[in-house]
């Protein structure tokens, strides 16, 4: 397929076939900024509900661990107890540490499981919202052209790279701005943290971090929406086609127009020959007298009404009349009737409105034949 020499030549919108081929290759309009911002926001909300339970569980485990771990010193030996039956303090401490370590991991795992499920579900939702259901391994297939240093350098200075760089700087600026205005507004509260109980201080710090995170996530989400709009525009631009590409695609999907025209011409010629073979079997040919000719055939046992077995205009009409003369088929001139019959399709029975006029002609034809 001829390639466009520059982007300006690609002025035509992509065809459905071009879009389908691009989708199969994994080329879709998708914003990673929007996906990460949405997951960040969902993750913050999920942590807000999960963190208190995790913190409470961790506090309980820590208290239990500190209160039940055995003292490292050797306990006093009671009368009747042999030294061999006493478990060494180091061994008992190792057992306790293993037990509480496993308990801690299991507790944290159970607490984090809903959070991980929510994050997985949010990733599915945001990706489905952008591209729908799509499984394509072609995007992961290694391609040698990606190792081309010239193309690699051109990609470094492409519009997409510049936009990505600007988005990165914007995110850094947003985080800095959010941190600044949030901490400025909570200055008095931050300064009073040292005088608060540890539990209250942790709660205050957690609330402050959550507030900063939510503000940053909402701004990231707004940036992600703009990035998705840009990705859609860039995607549509990359799929544009030249007029020549559209012509080539039409040839591949529908066939060459010249070949199709030739096929239609051959089909018309074959249909005309079959029609001409039916003219000798006609009962009468009604003419215009020179512009039109319609051949009628009536089988009283098989047909409910006379049928059109052949019709034509100009040269074809002359050919029908010539065949009719060769096979002694009567030719009757009736301009209004010929025009009405010419509008009907081949092998179609005449309508009731024409019964009388056709019956009169057939009656005269049959009478003349019987007289002979």
Protein backbone atom coordinates (compact mmCIF):
# COMPACT_ATOMS: atom_id res chain seq x y z
CA UNK A 1 0.00 0.00 0.00
CA UNK A 2 1.45 3.42 -0.91
CA UNK A 3 2.55 5.40 2.12
CA UNK A 4 1.81 9.07 2.61
CA UNK A 5 4.83 11.32 2.25
CA UNK A 6 3.79 13.53 5.19
CA UNK A 7 1.10 13.89 7.80
CA UNK A 8 -0.69 16.70 5.91
CA UNK A 9 -1.68 14.27 3.17
CA UNK A 10 -3.64 12.13 5.64
CA UNK A 11 -6.86 14.13 5.47
CA UNK A 12 -9.44 11.33 5.48
CA UNK A 13 -11.02 9.82 8.59
CA UNK A 14 -10.13 6.22 9.32
CA UNK A 15 -12.43 3.55 7.92
CA UNK A 16 -14.05 0.94 10.20
CA UNK A 17 -11.65 -1.67 8.81
CA UNK A 18 -8.62 0.49 9.68
CA UNK A 19 -9.95 1.00 13.20
CA UNK A 20 -10.57 -2.71 13.66
CA UNK A 21 -7.06 -3.61 12.47
CA UNK A 22 -5.53 -1.03 14.84
CA UNK A 23 -7.58 -2.40 17.75
CA UNK A 24 -6.42 -5.95 17.04
CA UNK A 25 -2.84 -4.68 17.24
CA UNK A 26 -3.56 -3.13 20.64
CA UNK A 27 -3.53 0.43 19.28
CA UNK A 28 -6.26 2.18 21.26
CA UNK A 29 -6.85 5.59 22.83
CA UNK A 30 -5.84 5.14 26.44
CA UNK A 31 -4.53 7.52 29.10
CA UNK A 32 -2.20 6.09 31.73
CA UNK A 33 -2.51 9.40 33.58
CA UNK A 34 -6.27 8.93 33.93
CA UNK A 35 -5.86 5.31 35.02
CA UNK A 36 -3.25 6.09 37.67
CA UNK A 37 -5.21 9.10 38.98
CA UNK A 38 -8.41 7.10 39.29
CA UNK A 39 -6.64 4.23 41.05
CA UNK A 40 -4.85 6.71 43.34
CA UNK A 41 -8.18 8.27 44.34
CA UNK A 42 -9.87 4.90 44.89
CA UNK A 43 -6.83 3.67 46.82
CA UNK A 44 -6.90 6.68 49.17
CA UNK A 45 -10.60 6.19 49.90
CA UNK A 46 -10.06 2.47 50.48
CA UNK A 47 -7.10 3.10 52.80
CA UNK A 48 -9.21 5.59 54.75
CA UNK A 49 -11.60 2.75 55.65
CA UNK A 50 -8.99 -0.01 55.97
CA UNK A 51 -6.28 1.84 57.91
CA UNK A 52 -8.14 2.10 61.27
CA UNK A 53 -8.70 -1.66 61.38
CA UNK A 54 -5.07 -2.36 60.38
CA UNK A 55 -3.79 0.07 63.00
CA UNK A 56 -6.02 -1.45 65.70
CA UNK A 57 -4.92 -4.99 64.81
CA UNK A 58 -1.26 -4.00 64.80
CA UNK A 59 -1.59 -2.34 68.20
CA UNK A 60 -3.23 -5.47 69.63
CA UNK A 61 -0.55 -7.75 68.20
CA UNK A 62 2.24 -5.48 69.45
CA UNK A 63 0.82 -5.43 72.97
CA UNK A 64 0.34 -9.19 72.98
CA UNK A 65 3.85 -9.76 71.65
CA UNK A 66 5.52 -7.52 74.22
CA UNK A 67 3.52 -8.96 77.10
CA UNK A 68 3.95 -12.67 76.26
CA UNK A 69 7.49 -12.97 74.94
CA UNK A 70 9.51 -14.85 77.59
CA UNK A 71 12.24 -13.22 79.54
CA UNK A 72 15.69 -14.00 78.24
CA UNK A 73 16.94 -14.86 81.71
CA UNK A 74 16.86 -18.50 82.85
CA UNK A 75 13.94 -19.10 85.32
CA UNK A 76 14.68 -20.46 88.81
CA UNK A 77 14.91 -24.21 89.11
CA UNK A 78 12.19 -25.73 91.26
CA UNK A 79 12.76 -28.82 93.45
CA UNK A 80 12.34 -32.04 91.50
CA UNK A 81 12.86 -30.37 88.10
CA UNK A 82 15.88 -31.50 86.18
CA UNK A 83 17.94 -29.17 84.02
CA UNK A 84 17.25 -31.28 80.93
CA UNK A 85 13.49 -30.62 81.20
CA UNK A 86 13.89 -26.83 81.20
CA UNK A 87 13.55 -25.15 77.78
CA UNK A 88 16.39 -22.78 77.09
CA UNK A 89 15.27 -19.08 77.16
CA UNK A 90 16.71 -18.37 73.71
CA UNK A 91 14.74 -21.28 72.26
CA UNK A 92 11.52 -20.13 73.93
CA UNK A 93 12.03 -16.58 72.64
CA UNK A 94 12.61 -17.89 69.11
CA UNK A 95 9.37 -19.87 69.31
CA UNK A 96 7.41 -16.86 70.53
CA UNK A 97 8.88 -14.56 67.88
CA UNK A 98 8.01 -17.05 65.12
CA UNK A 99 4.44 -17.42 66.40
CA UNK A 100 3.76 -13.69 66.71
CA UNK A 101 5.54 -12.95 63.43
CA UNK A 102 3.28 -15.35 61.56
CA UNK A 103 0.23 -13.98 63.37
CA UNK A 104 1.20 -10.45 62.38
CA UNK A 105 1.62 -11.35 58.73
CA UNK A 106 -1.70 -13.19 58.64
CA UNK A 107 -3.51 -10.31 60.32
CA UNK A 108 -2.04 -7.71 57.98
CA UNK A 109 -2.77 -9.94 54.98
CA UNK A 110 -6.42 -10.34 55.98
CA UNK A 111 -6.73 -6.60 56.53
CA UNK A 112 -5.11 -5.73 53.19
CA UNK A 113 -7.01 -8.32 51.13
CA UNK A 114 -10.14 -6.14 50.65
CA UNK A 115 -7.90 -3.20 49.74
CA UNK A 116 -6.08 -5.24 47.07
CA UNK A 117 -9.38 -6.48 45.66
CA UNK A 118 -10.70 -2.92 45.45
CA UNK A 119 -7.55 -1.77 43.63
CA UNK A 120 -7.75 -4.66 41.18
CA UNK A 121 -11.41 -3.93 40.49
CA UNK A 122 -10.70 -0.20 39.99
CA UNK A 123 -7.97 -1.03 37.46
CA UNK A 124 -10.41 -3.19 35.50
CA UNK A 125 -13.14 -0.54 35.61
CA UNK A 126 -11.03 2.39 34.42
CA UNK A 127 -9.40 0.39 31.62
CA UNK A 128 -12.73 -1.02 30.45
CA UNK A 129 -14.22 2.49 30.48
CA UNK A 130 -11.45 3.68 28.14
CA UNK A 131 -10.96 0.82 25.67
CA UNK A 132 -13.64 -1.77 26.44
CA UNK A 133 -12.86 -5.48 26.47
CA UNK A 134 -9.61 -6.07 24.58
CA UNK A 135 -7.02 -8.84 24.67
CA UNK A 136 -4.09 -8.34 22.30
CA UNK A 137 -0.66 -9.90 22.56
CA UNK A 138 0.68 -8.13 19.47
CA UNK A 139 1.56 -5.02 21.48
CA UNK A 140 3.96 -7.13 23.56
CA UNK A 141 5.65 -8.70 20.53
CA UNK A 142 9.27 -7.48 20.12
CA UNK A 143 9.80 -5.39 16.99
CA UNK A 144 13.21 -4.70 15.47
CA UNK A 145 12.19 -1.24 14.23
CA UNK A 146 11.93 -0.12 17.84
CA UNK A 147 15.72 -0.52 18.06
CA UNK A 148 16.25 1.97 15.24
CA UNK A 149 18.28 4.85 16.81
CA UNK A 150 17.03 7.39 14.27
CA UNK A 151 13.39 6.68 15.09
CA UNK A 152 14.26 6.59 18.78
CA UNK A 153 15.73 10.09 18.62
CA UNK A 154 12.72 11.35 16.64
CA UNK A 155 10.41 9.95 19.31
CA UNK A 156 12.33 11.88 21.97
CA UNK A 157 11.35 15.16 20.31
CA UNK A 158 7.85 14.16 19.23
CA UNK A 159 4.69 16.00 20.26
CA UNK A 160 3.63 13.07 22.43
CA UNK A 161 6.92 13.13 24.37
CA UNK A 162 6.66 16.87 24.92
CA UNK A 163 3.09 16.55 26.18
CA UNK A 164 4.16 13.75 28.54
CA UNK A 165 7.01 15.88 29.85
CA UNK A 166 4.64 18.82 30.45
CA UNK A 167 2.23 16.55 32.28
CA UNK A 168 5.07 15.31 34.50
CA UNK A 169 6.08 18.85 35.42
CA UNK A 170 2.43 19.73 36.02
CA UNK A 171 2.03 16.84 38.44
CA UNK A 172 5.13 17.88 40.39
CA UNK A 173 3.86 21.47 40.55
CA UNK A 174 0.44 20.26 41.68
CA UNK A 175 1.86 18.14 44.48
CA UNK A 176 4.02 21.03 45.68
CA UNK A 177 1.11 23.46 45.55
CA UNK A 178 -1.24 21.11 47.38
CA UNK A 179 1.35 20.46 50.10
CA UNK A 180 1.94 24.17 50.50
CA UNK A 181 -1.66 25.36 50.77
CA UNK A 182 -2.70 22.41 52.94
CA UNK A 183 0.14 22.79 55.43
CA UNK A 184 -0.31 26.56 55.45
CA UNK A 185 -3.96 26.15 56.38
CA UNK A 186 -3.12 23.59 59.09
CA UNK A 187 -0.09 25.46 60.47
CA UNK A 188 -1.47 25.96 63.98
CA UNK A 189 -2.60 22.36 64.25
CA UNK A 190 0.78 21.07 63.09
CA UNK A 191 2.62 23.21 65.62
CA UNK A 192 0.45 21.83 68.44
CA UNK A 193 1.15 18.15 67.61
CA UNK A 194 4.02 17.96 70.08
CA UNK A 195 1.68 18.73 72.97
CA UNK A 196 -0.86 16.09 71.98
CA UNK A 197 -1.01 12.47 73.15
CA UNK A 198 0.63 10.07 70.72
CA UNK A 199 -2.67 8.52 69.63
CA UNK A 200 -4.27 11.90 68.97
CA UNK A 201 -1.18 13.12 67.13
CA UNK A 202 -1.20 10.06 64.87
CA UNK A 203 -4.87 10.62 64.10
CA UNK A 204 -4.22 14.28 63.26
CA UNK A 205 -1.27 13.45 61.01
CA UNK A 206 -3.26 10.73 59.26
CA UNK A 207 -6.16 13.12 58.62
CA UNK A 208 -3.79 15.78 57.27
CA UNK A 209 -2.12 13.31 54.90
CA UNK A 210 -5.50 12.06 53.71
CA UNK A 211 -6.66 15.61 53.01
CA UNK A 212 -3.53 16.34 50.97
CA UNK A 213 -3.84 13.07 49.13
CA UNK A 214 -7.49 13.62 48.19
CA UNK A 215 -6.80 17.13 46.90
CA UNK A 216 -3.86 15.91 44.84
CA UNK A 217 -5.88 12.92 43.52
CA UNK A 218 -8.75 15.15 42.36
CA UNK A 219 -6.34 17.45 40.55
CA UNK A 220 -4.57 14.43 39.01
CA UNK A 221 -7.98 13.15 37.88
CA UNK A 222 -8.73 16.45 36.15
CA UNK A 223 -5.35 16.29 34.43
CA UNK A 224 -6.07 12.69 33.46
CA UNK A 225 -9.32 13.72 31.75
CA UNK A 226 -7.42 16.30 29.68
CA UNK A 227 -4.76 13.71 28.89
CA UNK A 228 -7.41 11.22 27.75
CA UNK A 229 -8.89 13.88 25.46
CA UNK A 230 -5.42 14.48 24.02
CA UNK A 231 -4.82 10.74 23.58
CA UNK A 232 -8.13 10.44 21.70
CA UNK A 233 -7.14 13.31 19.42
CA UNK A 234 -3.66 11.86 18.84
CA UNK A 235 -5.17 8.41 18.21
CA UNK A 236 -7.61 9.74 15.61
CA UNK A 237 -4.79 11.71 13.95
CA UNK A 238 -2.57 8.64 13.76
CA UNK A 239 -5.34 6.65 12.06
CA UNK A 240 -6.01 9.20 9.32
CA UNK A 241 -5.68 7.90 5.79
CA UNK A 242 -4.87 9.30 2.38
CA UNK A 243 -7.34 9.14 -0.47
CA UNK A 244 -5.11 6.57 -2.14
CA UNK A 245 -5.13 4.34 0.94
CA UNK A 246 -8.93 4.44 1.01
CA UNK A 247 -9.05 3.46 -2.68
CA UNK A 248 -6.63 0.59 -2.08
CA UNK A 249 -8.69 -0.61 0.88
CA UNK A 250 -11.87 -0.54 -1.20
CA UNK A 251 -10.13 -2.63 -3.85
CA UNK A 252 -9.08 -5.19 -1.24
CA UNK A 253 -12.43 -5.38 0.53
CA UNK A 254 -14.85 -4.94 -2.39
CA UNK A 255 -12.69 -5.68 -5.41
CA UNK A 256 -11.37 -3.53 -8.24
CA UNK A 257 -14.20 -1.28 -9.60
CA UNK A 258 -13.14 -2.02 -13.18
CA UNK A 259 -13.25 -5.76 -12.54
CA UNK A 260 -16.63 -5.44 -10.84
CA UNK A 261 -17.97 -3.41 -13.76
CA UNK A 262 -16.74 -6.08 -16.17
CA UNK A 263 -18.40 -8.82 -14.11
CA UNK A 264 -21.69 -6.91 -14.10
CA UNK A 265 -21.42 -6.43 -17.84
CA UNK A 266 -20.89 -10.16 -18.38
CA UNK A 267 -23.80 -10.97 -16.07
CA UNK A 268 -26.10 -8.61 -17.98
CA UNK A 269 -25.03 -10.17 -21.27
CA UNK A 270 -25.75 -13.69 -19.98
CA UNK A 271 -29.15 -12.59 -18.66
CA UNK A 272 -29.90 -10.98 -22.04
CA UNK A 273 -29.04 -14.19 -23.87
CA UNK A 274 -31.29 -16.23 -21.61
CA UNK A 275 -34.06 -13.70 -22.23
CA UNK A 276 -33.59 -13.89 -25.99
CA UNK A 277 -33.89 -17.67 -25.78
CA UNK A 278 -37.36 -17.21 -24.28
CA UNK A 279 -38.62 -14.85 -27.00
CA UNK A 280 -39.35 -17.66 -29.55
CA UNK A 281 -41.64 -19.25 -26.92
CA UNK A 282 -43.67 -16.03 -26.52
CA UNK A 283 -47.32 -15.76 -27.60
CA UNK A 284 -47.05 -12.13 -28.70
CA UNK A 285 -44.60 -9.20 -28.80
CA UNK A 286 -46.08 -5.77 -28.08
CA UNK A 287 -44.12 -2.78 -29.42
CA UNK A 288 -43.96 1.01 -29.03
CA UNK A 289 -43.48 0.67 -32.14
CA UNK A 290 -39.70 1.28 -32.43
CA UNK A 291 -38.42 2.25 -28.97
CA UNK A 292 -39.83 -0.62 -26.88
CA UNK A 293 -40.64 -4.29 -27.28
CA UNK A 294 -42.21 -6.61 -24.67
CA UNK A 295 -42.69 -10.36 -25.18
CA UNK A 296 -45.64 -12.04 -23.38
CA UNK A 297 -46.17 -15.73 -22.71
CA UNK A 298 -49.31 -17.30 -21.27
CA UNK A 299 -49.58 -20.93 -20.14
CA UNK A 300 -53.24 -21.42 -19.26
CA UNK A 301 -52.54 -24.54 -17.18
CA UNK A 302 -49.57 -23.26 -15.17
CA UNK A 303 -49.99 -19.46 -15.05
CA UNK A 304 -52.71 -17.35 -13.47
CA UNK A 305 -51.95 -14.51 -15.89
CA UNK A 306 -49.62 -13.77 -18.83
CA UNK A 307 -45.96 -13.21 -17.87
CA UNK A 308 -43.18 -11.00 -19.21
CA UNK A 309 -40.66 -13.34 -20.87
CA UNK A 310 -38.60 -10.64 -22.57
CA UNK A 311 -38.34 -6.87 -22.88
CA UNK A 312 -35.94 -4.27 -24.21
CA UNK A 313 -35.45 -0.78 -25.57
CA UNK A 314 -33.94 0.51 -28.80
CA UNK A 315 -31.35 -2.01 -30.11
CA UNK A 316 -32.55 -4.78 -27.80
CA UNK A 317 -36.15 -4.06 -28.88
CA UNK A 318 -35.10 -4.41 -32.51
CA UNK A 319 -33.38 -7.69 -31.68
CA UNK A 320 -36.52 -9.02 -29.95
CA UNK A 321 -38.66 -8.12 -32.96
CA UNK A 322 -36.18 -9.76 -35.33
CA UNK A 323 -36.23 -13.01 -33.32
CA UNK A 324 -40.03 -12.85 -33.19
CA UNK A 325 -40.23 -12.56 -36.99
CA UNK A 326 -37.80 -15.50 -37.42
CA UNK A 327 -40.03 -17.73 -35.28
CA UNK A 328 -43.39 -16.38 -36.49
CA UNK A 329 -44.29 -14.78 -33.16
CA UNK A 330 -47.04 -12.15 -33.71
CA UNK A 331 -45.95 -8.51 -33.25
CA UNK A 332 -48.65 -6.06 -32.17
CA UNK A 333 -48.17 -2.31 -31.96
CA UNK A 334 -49.73 -0.72 -28.87
CA UNK A 335 -47.79 2.22 -27.50
CA UNK A 336 -49.59 2.74 -24.10
CA UNK A 337 -49.63 -0.97 -23.32
CA UNK A 338 -45.98 -1.41 -24.30
CA UNK A 339 -44.95 1.42 -21.98
CA UNK A 340 -46.96 -0.05 -19.08
CA UNK A 341 -45.60 -3.56 -19.61
CA UNK A 342 -42.00 -2.36 -19.93
CA UNK A 343 -42.10 -1.15 -16.31
CA UNK A 344 -42.69 -4.72 -15.08
CA UNK A 345 -39.91 -7.18 -14.19
CA UNK A 346 -39.01 -10.27 -16.19
CA UNK A 347 -41.12 -13.35 -15.34
CA UNK A 348 -43.62 -11.10 -13.54
CA UNK A 349 -47.32 -11.64 -14.13
CA UNK A 350 -49.20 -8.65 -15.54
CA UNK A 351 -51.35 -6.70 -13.06
CA UNK A 352 -55.14 -6.87 -13.05
CA UNK A 353 -55.39 -3.38 -14.56
CA UNK A 354 -53.84 -4.68 -17.80
CA UNK A 355 -55.90 -7.89 -18.05
CA UNK A 356 -58.48 -6.44 -20.44
CA UNK A 357 -56.01 -4.87 -22.88
CA UNK A 358 -53.77 -7.97 -22.97
CA UNK A 359 -56.76 -10.32 -23.25
CA UNK A 360 -58.03 -8.46 -26.30
CA UNK A 361 -54.64 -8.75 -28.01
CA UNK A 362 -54.23 -12.43 -27.16
CA UNK A 363 -57.77 -13.12 -28.35
CA UNK A 364 -57.01 -11.60 -31.76
CA UNK A 365 -53.68 -13.48 -31.91
CA UNK A 366 -55.32 -16.82 -31.10
CA UNK A 367 -58.12 -16.13 -33.58
CA UNK A 368 -55.69 -15.37 -36.39
CA UNK A 369 -53.72 -18.51 -35.62
CA UNK A 370 -56.86 -20.66 -35.66
CA UNK A 371 -57.95 -19.13 -38.96
CA UNK A 372 -54.67 -20.15 -40.49
